[in-house]
C-alpha cells in the first residue's frame, strides 16, 4: 500500500498548507477538532478518537496545539493538557497502530542561544511553550518511529507578523516592531517539503531531532526591511523595545543551524529574500 499522510491540525497555519500540497502527491487525510469534512480529533479528548482509522503505512504530522507562547503562559493548565498530555496520549495510541509520527516542535527548546549551534546542542527550554514541547520530546526521543522537527519562525505571506506588516502598509500606518528578536527564519514551503520528504524517505537523516530553520539569522527589523524591499514598498516601521514579559515567554536570540534539513531537502533552504519573492510573486 502507498504511504498515506495524516495531518493532525489540518486547518491550521502549517497544517492547511501541508494538506494543500500533499493532496496532489500522495493519499492524504486531515483531522480537526471541529470535524466537519475532516476526521474529528480533539487532543483534549484523545481517548475518543477512532484509532482504527490509522494504519501501519501512515505518516502522521502533528501540527495541532496551542502555539502562542503568551497563551501557554496565561492558561498553562489548559495548554499543558492539550500540548503535552493530550498530544502524548494520541501519539502513544497512534504508535500502537504501527504508524510513524512527525512531531512539530520548536527552536525554543534550545533556549537563549547567541552562538551558533546544531542538533547536537543540549536543550534548555525557555518559557512555558518551550517546556511543553520539550516534555513531549523527552517522552518519545528514543522511539524509532518518531521524529521531531524543531521549527524556527515560519515565514509566509500569511504568518501573523507578516499580515500585521501588510495591514500597516495598506493603511499607511507605521508598524511597531519588537527588537531585538532574532531567529533562523524559514519559508513555510520548506517546512512542508521537509515533511513530505520524511514521508517518502523516513530514514533519509539520522537522529530524532531535525532543526528546521533558514540559512540566515534575522531580526524582525531585518524581515520588515526585506518585505519592504521585495513586496511592500509603502511599509514604514520603527523599532520598539517590548516589555520584559515578552522575553520571559520566549528567547531574544536563537542562532540555530539546520544541517539535517539541508540533507533532507537535498539543498540549502532558501533565503528570506527569495522566500519573499516566491510568496508575493515577484521572483
Protein backbone atom coordinates (compact mmCIF):
# COMPACT_ATOMS: atom_id res chain seq x y z
CA UNK A 1 0.00 0.00 0.00
CA UNK A 2 1.21 3.57 -0.68
CA UNK A 3 2.18 5.74 2.26
CA UNK A 4 -0.65 7.93 3.50
CA UNK A 5 -0.04 11.28 5.19
CA UNK A 6 -2.32 12.10 8.12
CA UNK A 7 -2.21 15.77 9.14
CA UNK A 8 -3.34 16.48 12.69
CA UNK A 9 -4.48 20.09 12.74
CA UNK A 10 -5.35 20.29 9.05
CA UNK A 11 -7.00 23.73 9.29
CA UNK A 12 -4.05 25.48 10.95
CA UNK A 13 -1.38 27.76 9.52
CA UNK A 14 1.06 24.95 8.71
CA UNK A 15 -1.34 22.00 8.60
CA UNK A 16 -3.61 23.50 5.95
CA UNK A 17 -0.69 24.16 3.63
CA UNK A 18 0.63 20.62 4.11
CA UNK A 19 -2.75 19.21 3.10
CA UNK A 20 -2.96 21.53 0.09
CA UNK A 21 0.44 20.47 -1.25
CA UNK A 22 0.35 16.81 -0.22
CA UNK A 23 -3.06 16.03 -1.70
CA UNK A 24 -1.64 16.26 -5.22
CA UNK A 25 1.26 13.93 -4.39
CA UNK A 26 0.04 11.18 -2.09
CA UNK A 27 -3.01 9.87 -0.21
CA UNK A 28 -3.77 12.47 2.46
CA UNK A 29 -6.15 12.66 5.41
CA UNK A 30 -6.68 15.63 7.69
CA UNK A 31 -8.05 15.93 11.21
CA UNK A 32 -9.65 18.84 13.02
CA UNK A 33 -11.10 19.34 16.48
CA UNK A 34 -14.26 20.59 14.76
CA UNK A 35 -14.68 17.61 12.46
CA UNK A 36 -16.86 18.61 9.51
CA UNK A 37 -15.32 17.33 6.28
CA UNK A 38 -12.23 16.26 8.23
CA UNK A 39 -11.71 13.40 10.65
CA UNK A 40 -12.58 14.66 14.12
CA UNK A 41 -9.77 14.67 16.68
CA UNK A 42 -9.85 16.74 19.85
CA UNK A 43 -6.50 16.38 21.62
CA UNK A 44 -8.18 17.23 24.93
CA UNK A 45 -10.18 14.02 24.41
CA UNK A 46 -7.61 11.88 22.65
CA UNK A 47 -9.16 8.67 24.03
CA UNK A 48 -12.32 9.32 21.98
CA UNK A 49 -10.52 9.20 18.62
CA UNK A 50 -11.15 6.23 16.32
CA UNK A 51 -7.62 4.79 16.09
CA UNK A 52 -8.89 2.08 13.77
CA UNK A 53 -8.73 4.77 11.06
CA UNK A 54 -4.91 4.67 11.28
CA UNK A 55 -2.61 2.03 9.82
CA UNK A 56 0.97 0.83 9.63
CA UNK A 57 1.61 2.69 6.36
CA UNK A 58 0.57 6.07 7.77
CA UNK A 59 2.88 9.01 8.43
CA UNK A 60 1.25 11.35 10.93
CA UNK A 61 2.27 15.02 11.03
CA UNK A 62 1.29 16.55 14.36
CA UNK A 63 0.77 20.25 13.68
CA UNK A 64 -2.05 20.93 16.17
CA UNK A 65 -1.66 22.64 19.51
CA UNK A 66 -1.65 25.94 21.34
CA UNK A 67 1.39 27.60 19.79
CA UNK A 68 1.24 31.18 21.07
CA UNK A 69 3.84 31.45 23.89
CA UNK A 70 1.80 34.08 25.73
CA UNK A 71 -1.34 31.92 25.61
CA UNK A 72 0.63 28.98 27.02
CA UNK A 73 1.81 31.18 29.87
CA UNK A 74 -1.56 32.77 30.66
CA UNK A 75 -3.50 29.48 30.75
CA UNK A 76 -0.78 26.97 31.46
CA UNK A 77 -3.05 24.21 32.78
CA UNK A 78 -5.21 24.08 29.64
CA UNK A 79 -2.20 24.41 27.34
CA UNK A 80 -0.38 21.61 29.18
CA UNK A 81 -3.46 19.39 28.98
CA UNK A 82 -3.58 19.81 25.20
CA UNK A 83 0.06 20.30 24.20
CA UNK A 84 1.53 17.63 26.46
CA UNK A 85 -0.98 15.21 27.95
CA UNK A 86 -3.43 15.06 25.05
CA UNK A 87 -0.75 15.08 22.40
CA UNK A 88 1.25 12.38 24.18
CA UNK A 89 -1.82 10.20 24.65
CA UNK A 90 -2.61 10.48 20.93
CA UNK A 91 0.98 9.67 19.99
CA UNK A 92 1.12 6.61 22.24
CA UNK A 93 -2.13 5.23 20.80
CA UNK A 94 -1.12 6.05 17.23
CA UNK A 95 2.22 4.27 17.65
CA UNK A 96 0.37 1.12 18.67
CA UNK A 97 -1.18 1.05 15.18
CA UNK A 98 2.29 0.92 13.63
CA UNK A 99 2.15 4.47 12.27
CA UNK A 100 5.15 6.82 12.21
CA UNK A 101 4.93 10.28 13.75
CA UNK A 102 6.40 13.67 12.85
CA UNK A 103 6.09 15.96 15.86
CA UNK A 104 6.30 19.68 15.15
CA UNK A 105 8.40 21.15 17.94
CA UNK A 106 10.16 24.50 18.34
CA UNK A 107 13.63 26.01 18.36
CA UNK A 108 12.73 27.47 21.78
CA UNK A 109 13.53 24.07 23.33
CA UNK A 110 17.18 25.15 22.98
CA UNK A 111 16.66 28.33 24.99
CA UNK A 112 18.58 31.59 24.59
CA UNK A 113 21.47 30.97 22.16
CA UNK A 114 23.67 33.81 20.99
CA UNK A 115 26.23 31.43 19.48
CA UNK A 116 25.58 29.14 16.53
CA UNK A 117 24.56 25.53 17.23
CA UNK A 118 23.07 22.47 15.53
CA UNK A 119 21.05 19.41 16.61
CA UNK A 120 23.85 18.21 18.88
CA UNK A 121 23.23 21.09 21.33
CA UNK A 122 21.60 20.34 24.67
CA UNK A 123 18.08 21.62 25.35
CA UNK A 124 17.39 24.39 27.84
CA UNK A 125 13.73 25.22 27.17
CA UNK A 126 12.81 28.87 27.68
CA UNK A 127 9.19 29.66 28.54
CA UNK A 128 6.08 27.56 29.10
CA UNK A 129 5.57 26.79 25.41
CA UNK A 130 9.14 25.50 25.09
CA UNK A 131 8.76 23.42 28.25
CA UNK A 132 5.67 21.77 26.77
CA UNK A 133 7.42 20.90 23.52
CA UNK A 134 10.42 19.61 25.44
CA UNK A 135 8.22 17.44 27.69
CA UNK A 136 6.74 15.66 24.66
CA UNK A 137 10.16 15.22 23.08
CA UNK A 138 11.52 13.64 26.25
CA UNK A 139 8.73 11.04 26.23
CA UNK A 140 9.38 9.91 22.66
CA UNK A 141 13.03 10.71 21.90
CA UNK A 142 14.08 7.06 21.97
CA UNK A 143 11.25 5.78 19.75
CA UNK A 144 12.41 4.81 16.22
CA UNK A 145 9.07 5.77 14.66
CA UNK A 146 9.04 9.35 15.96
CA UNK A 147 10.93 12.35 14.64
CA UNK A 148 10.79 15.92 15.94
CA UNK A 149 11.03 18.95 13.66
CA UNK A 150 12.28 21.92 15.70
CA UNK A 151 10.83 24.86 13.81
CA UNK A 152 12.17 28.38 13.84
CA UNK A 153 9.99 31.34 12.82
CA UNK A 154 7.98 30.05 9.84
CA UNK A 155 7.54 32.81 7.26
CA UNK A 156 4.86 33.17 4.60
CA UNK A 157 2.62 35.92 3.33
CA UNK A 158 0.02 34.62 5.80
CA UNK A 159 2.01 34.40 9.04
CA UNK A 160 0.78 36.65 11.85
CA UNK A 161 3.69 39.10 11.80
CA UNK A 162 3.66 39.48 8.01
CA UNK A 163 -0.11 40.03 8.00
CA UNK A 164 0.41 42.81 10.54
CA UNK A 165 3.01 44.46 8.31
CA UNK A 166 0.77 44.09 5.25
CA UNK A 167 -2.13 45.71 7.10
CA UNK A 168 0.04 48.60 8.29
CA UNK A 169 1.33 49.17 4.75
CA UNK A 170 -2.20 49.11 3.33
CA UNK A 171 -3.41 51.66 5.91
CA UNK A 172 -0.34 53.86 5.59
CA UNK A 173 0.48 53.37 9.27
CA UNK A 174 3.92 52.85 10.77
CA UNK A 175 4.38 49.36 12.16
CA UNK A 176 5.94 48.97 15.61
CA UNK A 177 8.41 46.08 15.62
CA UNK A 178 9.91 44.43 18.69
CA UNK A 179 13.69 44.49 18.75
CA UNK A 180 15.98 42.67 19.48
CA UNK A 181 14.37 39.41 18.38
CA UNK A 182 16.42 37.05 16.17
CA UNK A 183 15.52 33.73 14.54
CA UNK A 184 16.63 31.42 11.71
CA UNK A 185 13.66 32.36 9.54
CA UNK A 186 12.41 29.50 7.35
CA UNK A 187 9.93 29.57 4.47
CA UNK A 188 6.70 27.67 5.17
CA UNK A 189 7.09 25.84 1.84
CA UNK A 190 10.30 24.26 3.08
CA UNK A 191 8.61 23.04 6.26
CA UNK A 192 6.07 21.35 4.01
CA UNK A 193 8.77 19.91 1.77
CA UNK A 194 10.66 18.55 4.78
CA UNK A 195 7.55 16.72 5.99
CA UNK A 196 6.83 15.27 2.54
CA UNK A 197 10.47 14.23 2.21
CA UNK A 198 10.26 12.35 5.51
CA UNK A 199 7.05 10.70 4.36
CA UNK A 200 8.88 9.39 1.29
CA UNK A 201 12.25 8.65 2.92
CA UNK A 202 11.85 8.16 6.66
CA UNK A 203 15.49 7.21 7.19
CA UNK A 204 16.93 9.93 4.97
CA UNK A 205 18.50 11.59 8.01
CA UNK A 206 19.74 10.07 11.23
CA UNK A 207 18.59 11.11 14.65
CA UNK A 208 15.39 12.05 16.41
CA UNK A 209 15.57 15.85 16.07
CA UNK A 210 15.76 17.87 12.86
CA UNK A 211 16.28 21.62 13.08
CA UNK A 212 14.08 23.47 10.61
CA UNK A 213 15.48 26.95 10.09
CA UNK A 214 16.69 29.07 7.23
CA UNK A 215 20.30 29.94 6.35
CA UNK A 216 20.24 33.42 7.95
CA UNK A 217 19.68 34.68 11.48
CA UNK A 218 17.35 37.65 11.07
CA UNK A 219 15.73 40.14 13.39
CA UNK A 220 12.15 41.26 12.87
CA UNK A 221 13.60 44.55 11.62
CA UNK A 222 15.57 42.58 9.02
CA UNK A 223 12.40 40.76 7.99
CA UNK A 224 10.46 44.00 7.64
CA UNK A 225 13.27 45.51 5.54
CA UNK A 226 13.24 42.53 3.19
CA UNK A 227 9.47 42.71 2.88
CA UNK A 228 9.64 46.43 2.13
CA UNK A 229 12.31 45.82 -0.47
CA UNK A 230 10.62 42.88 -2.17
CA UNK A 231 6.86 43.29 -1.72
CA UNK A 232 5.64 46.16 0.47
CA UNK A 233 7.21 49.42 -0.79
CA UNK A 234 4.78 51.55 1.25
CA UNK A 235 5.73 49.87 4.51
CA UNK A 236 7.01 52.13 7.30
CA UNK A 237 8.21 50.82 10.63
CA UNK A 238 10.00 51.71 13.84
CA UNK A 239 11.82 49.52 16.35
CA UNK A 240 10.40 49.35 19.88
CA UNK A 241 11.60 47.51 22.95
CA UNK A 242 9.00 45.04 24.24
CA UNK A 243 8.03 44.70 27.87
CA UNK A 244 10.07 42.26 29.95
CA UNK A 245 7.24 39.71 29.98
CA UNK A 246 7.55 39.27 26.22
CA UNK A 247 11.05 37.84 26.60
CA UNK A 248 10.08 35.89 29.69
CA UNK A 249 7.94 33.73 27.39
CA UNK A 250 10.43 33.47 24.50
CA UNK A 251 14.19 33.87 23.93
CA UNK A 252 15.61 37.01 22.33
CA UNK A 253 18.12 35.21 20.13
CA UNK A 254 18.30 31.64 18.78
CA UNK A 255 21.11 31.20 16.26
CA UNK A 256 20.08 27.76 15.08
CA UNK A 257 21.76 25.97 12.18
CA UNK A 258 19.89 23.23 10.30
CA UNK A 259 22.32 20.79 8.66
CA UNK A 260 19.85 17.89 8.74
CA UNK A 261 17.22 19.99 6.97
CA UNK A 262 19.62 20.68 4.11
CA UNK A 263 20.38 16.95 3.94
CA UNK A 264 16.66 16.12 3.90
CA UNK A 265 15.85 18.69 1.20
CA UNK A 266 18.94 17.85 -0.83
CA UNK A 267 19.85 21.56 -0.93
CA UNK A 268 20.23 24.56 1.31
CA UNK A 269 16.95 26.15 2.41
CA UNK A 270 16.20 29.41 0.63
CA UNK A 271 16.94 32.86 1.98
CA UNK A 272 14.12 35.09 3.15
CA UNK A 273 14.72 37.41 0.19
CA UNK A 274 13.94 34.51 -2.13
CA UNK A 275 11.02 33.42 0.03
CA UNK A 276 9.51 36.93 -0.19
CA UNK A 277 9.78 36.80 -3.97
CA UNK A 278 8.09 33.41 -4.10
CA UNK A 279 5.30 34.38 -1.69
CA UNK A 280 4.45 37.67 -3.38
CA UNK A 281 5.04 36.64 -6.99
CA UNK A 282 7.97 38.98 -7.55
CA UNK A 283 10.51 36.22 -8.33
